């Protein structure tokens, strides 16, 4: 089974957040897919952790290394569809990338981002629930 994941999932796993074990359980037998923007989004999230003093440079390097070991297939998305979705749901392109990826791949989405989750539901994307 293919599952679309967003940056919130990847960050939760590599930074050992409380949902980590459940996320790994949910994705254990799946093929993980994400839009091609995810490496840049990961870089942005990790640099934000540095800026907010939530992590040291060494911790960020360790997190990036962990990210590079996640078996993740990056998928190109249709930019015109991204822009339509962004306009229709009044969301940023980064969230629309994930929604379009799920729609194009006809695969469920796993996210911890509540706003993305709601927009994805409205767009007709199946959501995998993280609840334990």
Foldseek 3Di string as FASTA:
>chain_A
DEEEEALQLLCCCLVVPPLNVLSCVVPVPYAYEYAPCRVVVLVVVLVVCVVVVVDDPVSSVSSVVVSVPPRYHHDHFDVVQLVVLCVVLVHDSSLSRRLRVCVVVVHAYEYPDPSSVVSSVVVPHHYDDSDD
